Amino acid sequence: MLKNLTNKDNSNVVNLLIGRIGTNIVDSLFYMAILWYFKSHFHSPMLLSIIFIAGSTIDMFSFTLVR
């Protein structure tokens, strides 16, 4: 079945998969950069925990915002 999705006729599927992988990589790097920024500038484990909880909560419930 996977072979049928990746043949030349379904190049849109391959483009969408590559785009999704790229989006996941950049999203993870952005998330790490935000945590690193707050850790290096404020030196507060409590603030870092609150930022992490807020970001994780938004990510967990973001699927409910899509129609």
PDB file of N, CA and C in Angstrom:
ATOM      1  N   MET A   1       0.819  -1.185   0.000  1.00  0.00           N
ATOM      2  CA  MET A   1       0.000   0.000   0.000  1.00  0.00           C
ATOM      3  C   MET A   1       0.869   1.258   0.000  1.00  0.00           C
ATOM      4  N   LEU A   2       1.948   1.267   0.774  1.00  0.00           N
ATOM      5  CA  LEU A   2       2.830   2.431   0.813  1.00  0.00           C
ATOM      6  C   LEU A   2       3.490   2.660  -0.539  1.00  0.00           C
ATOM      7  N   LYS A   3       3.765   1.595  -1.256  1.00  0.00           N
ATOM      8  CA  LYS A   3       4.371   1.716  -2.580  1.00  0.00           C
ATOM      9  C   LYS A   3       3.427   2.456  -3.530  1.00  0.00           C
ATOM     10  N   ASN A   4       2.130   2.223  -3.384  1.00  0.00           N
ATOM     11  CA  ASN A   4       1.156   2.910  -4.225  1.00  0.00           C
ATOM     12  C   ASN A   4       1.076   4.399  -3.907  1.00  0.00           C
ATOM     13  N   LEU A   5       1.354   4.793  -2.674  1.00  0.00           N
ATOM     14  CA  LEU A   5       1.284   6.201  -2.297  1.00  0.00           C
ATOM     15  C   LEU A   5       2.482   7.001  -2.780  1.00  0.00           C
ATOM     16  N   THR A   6       3.623   6.340  -2.959  1.00  0.00           N
ATOM     17  CA  THR A   6       4.840   7.077  -3.289  1.00  0.00           C
ATOM     18  C   THR A   6       5.242   6.963  -4.748  1.00  0.00           C
ATOM     19  N   ASN A   7       4.386   6.484  -5.619  1.00  0.00           N
ATOM     20  CA  ASN A   7       4.753   6.424  -7.030  1.00  0.00           C
ATOM     21  C   ASN A   7       4.627   7.806  -7.670  1.00  0.00           C
ATOM     22  N   LYS A   8       5.021   7.939  -8.926  1.00  0.00           N
ATOM     23  CA  LYS A   8       5.058   9.241  -9.603  1.00  0.00           C
ATOM     24  C   LYS A   8       3.688   9.898  -9.710  1.00  0.00           C
ATOM     25  N   ASP A   9       2.626   9.123  -9.786  1.00  0.00           N
ATOM     26  CA  ASP A   9       1.292   9.695  -9.928  1.00  0.00           C
ATOM     27  C   ASP A   9       0.832  10.410  -8.666  1.00  0.00           C
ATOM     28  N   ASN A  10       1.358  10.016  -7.519  1.00  0.00           N
ATOM     29  CA  ASN A  10       0.968  10.617  -6.241  1.00  0.00           C
ATOM     30  C   ASN A  10       2.081  11.465  -5.661  1.00  0.00           C
ATOM     31  N   SER A  11       2.678  12.326  -6.476  1.00  0.00           N
ATOM     32  CA  SER A  11       3.779  13.164  -5.982  1.00  0.00           C
ATOM     33  C   SER A  11       3.288  14.167  -4.943  1.00  0.00           C
ATOM     34  N   ASN A  12       1.998  14.498  -4.964  1.00  0.00           N
ATOM     35  CA  ASN A  12       1.462  15.410  -3.951  1.00  0.00           C
ATOM     36  C   ASN A  12       1.559  14.812  -2.559  1.00  0.00           C
ATOM     37  N   VAL A  13       1.363  13.510  -2.450  1.00  0.00           N
ATOM     38  CA  VAL A  13       1.451  12.835  -1.152  1.00  0.00           C
ATOM     39  C   VAL A  13       2.881  12.926  -0.624  1.00  0.00           C
ATOM     40  N   VAL A  14       3.853  12.703  -1.502  1.00  0.00           N
ATOM     41  CA  VAL A  14       5.253  12.784  -1.089  1.00  0.00           C
ATOM     42  C   VAL A  14       5.590  14.208  -0.665  1.00  0.00           C
ATOM     43  N   ASN A  15       5.131  15.206  -1.420  1.00  0.00           N
ATOM     44  CA  ASN A  15       5.382  16.601  -1.057  1.00  0.00           C
ATOM     45  C   ASN A  15       4.753  16.948   0.287  1.00  0.00           C
ATOM     46  N   LEU A  16       3.563  16.460   0.542  1.00  0.00           N
ATOM     47  CA  LEU A  16       2.905  16.721   1.818  1.00  0.00           C
ATOM     48  C   LEU A  16       3.644  16.047   2.975  1.00  0.00           C
ATOM     49  N   LEU A  17       4.124  14.830   2.765  1.00  0.00           N
ATOM     50  CA  LEU A  17       4.881  14.137   3.809  1.00  0.00           C
ATOM     51  C   LEU A  17       6.192  14.858   4.108  1.00  0.00           C
ATOM     52  N   ILE A  18       6.896  15.294   3.074  1.00  0.00           N
ATOM     53  CA  ILE A  18       8.144  16.026   3.274  1.00  0.00           C
ATOM     54  C   ILE A  18       7.876  17.347   3.993  1.00  0.00           C
ATOM     55  N   GLY A  19       6.809  18.025   3.615  1.00  0.00           N
ATOM     56  CA  GLY A  19       6.447  19.268   4.284  1.00  0.00           C
ATOM     57  C   GLY A  19       6.100  19.056   5.739  1.00  0.00           C
ATOM     58  N   ARG A  20       5.412  17.986   6.027  1.00  0.00           N
ATOM     59  CA  ARG A  20       5.031  17.694   7.414  1.00  0.00           C
ATOM     60  C   ARG A  20       6.255  17.368   8.266  1.00  0.00           C
ATOM     61  N   ILE A  21       7.197  16.613   7.708  1.00  0.00           N
ATOM     62  CA  ILE A  21       8.424  16.289   8.432  1.00  0.00           C
ATOM     63  C   ILE A  21       9.216  17.565   8.702  1.00  0.00           C
ATOM     64  N   GLY A  22       9.321  18.431   7.696  1.00  0.00           N
ATOM     65  CA  GLY A  22      10.013  19.703   7.879  1.00  0.00           C
ATOM     66  C   GLY A  22       9.349  20.572   8.933  1.00  0.00           C
ATOM     67  N   THR A  23       8.022  20.609   8.922  1.00  0.00           N
ATOM     68  CA  THR A  23       7.290  21.388   9.908  1.00  0.00           C
ATOM     69  C   THR A  23       7.536  20.860  11.316  1.00  0.00           C
ATOM     70  N   ASN A  24       7.553  19.555  11.486  1.00  0.00           N
ATOM     71  CA  ASN A  24       7.806  18.966  12.805  1.00  0.00           C
ATOM     72  C   ASN A  24       9.213  19.286  13.299  1.00  0.00           C
ATOM     73  N   ILE A  25      10.205  19.238  12.407  1.00  0.00           N
ATOM     74  CA  ILE A  25      11.582  19.536  12.798  1.00  0.00           C
ATOM     75  C   ILE A  25      11.706  20.990  13.241  1.00  0.00           C
ATOM     76  N   VAL A  26      11.181  21.911  12.429  1.00  0.00           N
ATOM     77  CA  VAL A  26      11.279  23.334  12.753  1.00  0.00           C
ATOM     78  C   VAL A  26      10.483  23.662  14.016  1.00  0.00           C
ATOM     79  N   ASP A  27       9.338  23.037  14.197  1.00  0.00           N
ATOM     80  CA  ASP A  27       8.534  23.265  15.392  1.00  0.00           C
ATOM     81  C   ASP A  27       9.298  22.826  16.643  1.00  0.00           C
ATOM     82  N   SER A  28       9.975  21.701  16.578  1.00  0.00           N
ATOM     83  CA  SER A  28      10.757  21.226  17.717  1.00  0.00           C
ATOM     84  C   SER A  28      11.930  22.152  18.006  1.00  0.00           C
ATOM     85  N   LEU A  29      12.611  22.621  16.972  1.00  0.00           N
ATOM     86  CA  LEU A  29      13.726  23.545  17.179  1.00  0.00           C
ATOM     87  C   LEU A  29      13.253  24.865  17.783  1.00  0.00           C
ATOM     88  N   PHE A  30      12.112  25.355  17.319  1.00  0.00           N
ATOM     89  CA  PHE A  30      11.559  26.592  17.861  1.00  0.00           C
ATOM     90  C   PHE A  30      11.191  26.429  19.330  1.00  0.00           C
ATOM     91  N   TYR A  31      10.595  25.296  19.669  1.00  0.00           N
ATOM     92  CA  TYR A  31      10.208  25.021  21.050  1.00  0.00           C
ATOM     93  C   TYR A  31      11.438  24.946  21.953  1.00  0.00           C
ATOM     94  N   MET A  32      12.505  24.283  21.475  1.00  0.00           N
ATOM     95  CA  MET A  32      13.734  24.204  22.258  1.00  0.00           C
ATOM     96  C   MET A  32      14.375  25.580  22.411  1.00  0.00           C
ATOM     97  N   ALA A  33      14.311  26.407  21.375  1.00  0.00           N
ATOM     98  CA  ALA A  33      14.890  27.750  21.444  1.00  0.00           C
ATOM     99  C   ALA A  33      14.173  28.612  22.475  1.00  0.00           C
ATOM    100  N   ILE A  34      12.850  28.498  22.536  1.00  0.00           N
ATOM    101  CA  ILE A  34      12.093  29.262  23.530  1.00  0.00           C
ATOM    102  C   ILE A  34      12.489  28.843  24.946  1.00  0.00           C
ATOM    103  N   LEU A  35      12.559  27.542  25.194  1.00  0.00           N
ATOM    104  CA  LEU A  35      12.951  27.067  26.522  1.00  0.00           C
ATOM    105  C   LEU A  35      14.380  27.478  26.860  1.00  0.00           C
ATOM    106  N   TRP A  36      15.276  27.405  25.890  1.00  0.00           N
ATOM    107  CA  TRP A  36      16.657  27.784  26.112  1.00  0.00           C
ATOM    108  C   TRP A  36      16.773  29.281  26.424  1.00  0.00           C
ATOM    109  N   TYR A  37      15.995  30.110  25.709  1.00  0.00           N
ATOM    110  CA  TYR A  37      16.019  31.550  25.946  1.00  0.00           C
ATOM    111  C   TYR A  37      15.603  31.876  27.381  1.00  0.00           C
ATOM    112  N   PHE A  38      14.487  31.311  27.823  1.00  0.00           N
ATOM    113  CA  PHE A  38      14.010  31.607  29.171  1.00  0.00           C
ATOM    114  C   PHE A  38      14.943  31.049  30.237  1.00  0.00           C
ATOM    115  N   LYS A  39      15.554  29.894  29.967  1.00  0.00           N
ATOM    116  CA  LYS A  39      16.495  29.324  30.933  1.00  0.00           C
ATOM    117  C   LYS A  39      17.745  30.186  31.057  1.00  0.00           C
ATOM    118  N   SER A  40      18.267  30.656  29.937  1.00  0.00           N
ATOM    119  CA  SER A  40      19.520  31.406  29.988  1.00  0.00           C
ATOM    120  C   SER A  40      19.338  32.853  30.454  1.00  0.00           C
ATOM    121  N   HIS A  41      18.162  33.425  30.263  1.00  0.00           N
ATOM    122  CA  HIS A  41      17.968  34.824  30.638  1.00  0.00           C
ATOM    123  C   HIS A  41      17.390  35.015  32.042  1.00  0.00           C
ATOM    124  N   PHE A  42      16.566  34.113  32.487  1.00  0.00           N
ATOM    125  CA  PHE A  42      15.891  34.315  33.770  1.00  0.00           C
ATOM    126  C   PHE A  42      16.395  33.397  34.878  1.00  0.00           C
ATOM    127  N   HIS A  43      17.051  32.291  34.540  1.00  0.00           N
ATOM    128  CA  HIS A  43      17.627  31.363  35.517  1.00  0.00           C
ATOM    129  C   HIS A  43      16.611  30.945  36.585  1.00  0.00           C
ATOM    130  N   SER A  44      15.370  30.737  36.161  1.00  0.00           N
ATOM    131  CA  SER A  44      14.323  30.370  37.107  1.00  0.00           C
ATOM    132  C   SER A  44      13.687  29.038  36.685  1.00  0.00           C
ATOM    133  N   PRO A  45      13.894  27.993  37.457  1.00  0.00           N
ATOM    134  CA  PRO A  45      13.250  26.722  37.129  1.00  0.00           C
ATOM    135  C   PRO A  45      11.726  26.803  37.193  1.00  0.00           C
ATOM    136  N   MET A  46      11.211  27.634  38.085  1.00  0.00           N
ATOM    137  CA  MET A  46       9.754  27.773  38.204  1.00  0.00           C
ATOM    138  C   MET A  46       9.170  28.402  36.934  1.00  0.00           C
ATOM    139  N   LEU A  47       9.791  29.470  36.442  1.00  0.00           N
ATOM    140  CA  LEU A  47       9.315  30.112  35.216  1.00  0.00           C
ATOM    141  C   LEU A  47       9.438  29.167  34.029  1.00  0.00           C
ATOM    142  N   LEU A  48      10.534  28.434  33.959  1.00  0.00           N
ATOM    143  CA  LEU A  48      10.722  27.465  32.880  1.00  0.00           C
ATOM    144  C   LEU A  48       9.657  26.382  32.932  1.00  0.00           C
ATOM    145  N   SER A  49       9.297  25.942  34.110  1.00  0.00           N
ATOM    146  CA  SER A  49       8.244  24.936  34.259  1.00  0.00           C
ATOM    147  C   SER A  49       6.896  25.480  33.805  1.00  0.00           C
ATOM    148  N   ILE A  50       6.601  26.717  34.156  1.00  0.00           N
ATOM    149  CA  ILE A  50       5.330  27.324  33.752  1.00  0.00           C
ATOM    150  C   ILE A  50       5.269  27.479  32.240  1.00  0.00           C
ATOM    151  N   ILE A  51       6.364  27.907  31.621  1.00  0.00           N
ATOM    152  CA  ILE A  51       6.419  28.036  30.157  1.00  0.00           C
ATOM    153  C   ILE A  51       6.222  26.665  29.511  1.00  0.00           C
ATOM    154  N   PHE A  52       6.892  25.636  30.056  1.00  0.00           N
ATOM    155  CA  PHE A  52       6.764  24.290  29.512  1.00  0.00           C
ATOM    156  C   PHE A  52       5.333  23.777  29.638  1.00  0.00           C
ATOM    157  N   ILE A  53       4.714  23.991  30.776  1.00  0.00           N
ATOM    158  CA  ILE A  53       3.334  23.539  30.981  1.00  0.00           C
ATOM    159  C   ILE A  53       2.389  24.274  30.031  1.00  0.00           C
ATOM    160  N   ALA A  54       2.572  25.583  29.876  1.00  0.00           N
ATOM    161  CA  ALA A  54       1.705  26.355  28.977  1.00  0.00           C
ATOM    162  C   ALA A  54       1.859  25.882  27.533  1.00  0.00           C
ATOM    163  N   GLY A  55       3.088  25.697  27.096  1.00  0.00           N
ATOM    164  CA  GLY A  55       3.318  25.232  25.727  1.00  0.00           C
ATOM    165  C   GLY A  55       2.778  23.830  25.487  1.00  0.00           C
ATOM    166  N   SER A  56       2.974  22.955  26.441  1.00  0.00           N
ATOM    167  CA  SER A  56       2.483  21.578  26.307  1.00  0.00           C
ATOM    168  C   SER A  56       0.958  21.530  26.298  1.00  0.00           C
ATOM    169  N   THR A  57       0.331  22.349  27.131  1.00  0.00           N
ATOM    170  CA  THR A  57      -1.130  22.377  27.181  1.00  0.00           C
ATOM    171  C   THR A  57      -1.704  22.877  25.867  1.00  0.00           C
ATOM    172  N   ILE A  58      -1.091  23.917  25.314  1.00  0.00           N
ATOM    173  CA  ILE A  58      -1.557  24.434  24.026  1.00  0.00           C
ATOM    174  C   ILE A  58      -1.400  23.379  22.944  1.00  0.00           C
ATOM    175  N   ASP A  59      -0.264  22.673  22.932  1.00  0.00           N
ATOM    176  CA  ASP A  59      -0.053  21.622  21.942  1.00  0.00           C
ATOM    177  C   ASP A  59      -1.050  20.473  22.106  1.00  0.00           C
ATOM    178  N   MET A  60      -1.361  20.108  23.346  1.00  0.00           N
ATOM    179  CA  MET A  60      -2.287  18.991  23.578  1.00  0.00           C
ATOM    180  C   MET A  60      -3.697  19.303  23.106  1.00  0.00           C
ATOM    181  N   PHE A  61      -4.125  20.548  23.296  1.00  0.00           N
ATOM    182  CA  PHE A  61      -5.499  20.899  22.948  1.00  0.00           C
ATOM    183  C   PHE A  61      -5.644  21.600  21.606  1.00  0.00           C
ATOM    184  N   SER A  62      -4.541  21.763  20.862  1.00  0.00           N
ATOM    185  CA  SER A  62      -4.627  22.461  19.583  1.00  0.00           C
ATOM    186  C   SER A  62      -5.459  21.682  18.560  1.00  0.00           C
ATOM    187  N   PHE A  63      -5.503  20.351  18.695  1.00  0.00           N
ATOM    188  CA  PHE A  63      -6.284  19.581  17.740  1.00  0.00           C
ATOM    189  C   PHE A  63      -7.780  19.839  17.874  1.00  0.00           C
ATOM    190  N   THR A  64      -8.226  20.335  19.015  1.00  0.00           N
ATOM    191  CA  THR A  64      -9.657  20.611  19.179  1.00  0.00           C
ATOM    192  C   THR A  64     -10.063  21.930  18.505  1.00  0.00           C
ATOM    193  N   LEU A  65      -9.083  22.766  18.160  1.00  0.00           N
ATOM    194  CA  LEU A  65      -9.397  24.055  17.536  1.00  0.00           C
ATOM    195  C   LEU A  65      -9.593  23.933  16.024  1.00  0.00           C
ATOM    196  N   VAL A  66      -9.174  22.821  15.449  1.00  0.00           N
ATOM    197  CA  VAL A  66      -9.300  22.625  14.002  1.00  0.00           C
ATOM    198  C   VAL A  66     -10.694  22.103  13.684  1.00  0.00           C
ATOM    199  N   ARG A  67     -11.299  22.705  12.717  1.00  0.00           N
ATOM    200  CA  ARG A  67     -12.652  22.271  12.344  1.00  0.00           C
ATOM    201  C   ARG A  67     -12.620  21.094  11.448  1.00  0.00           C
TER     202      ARG A  67
END
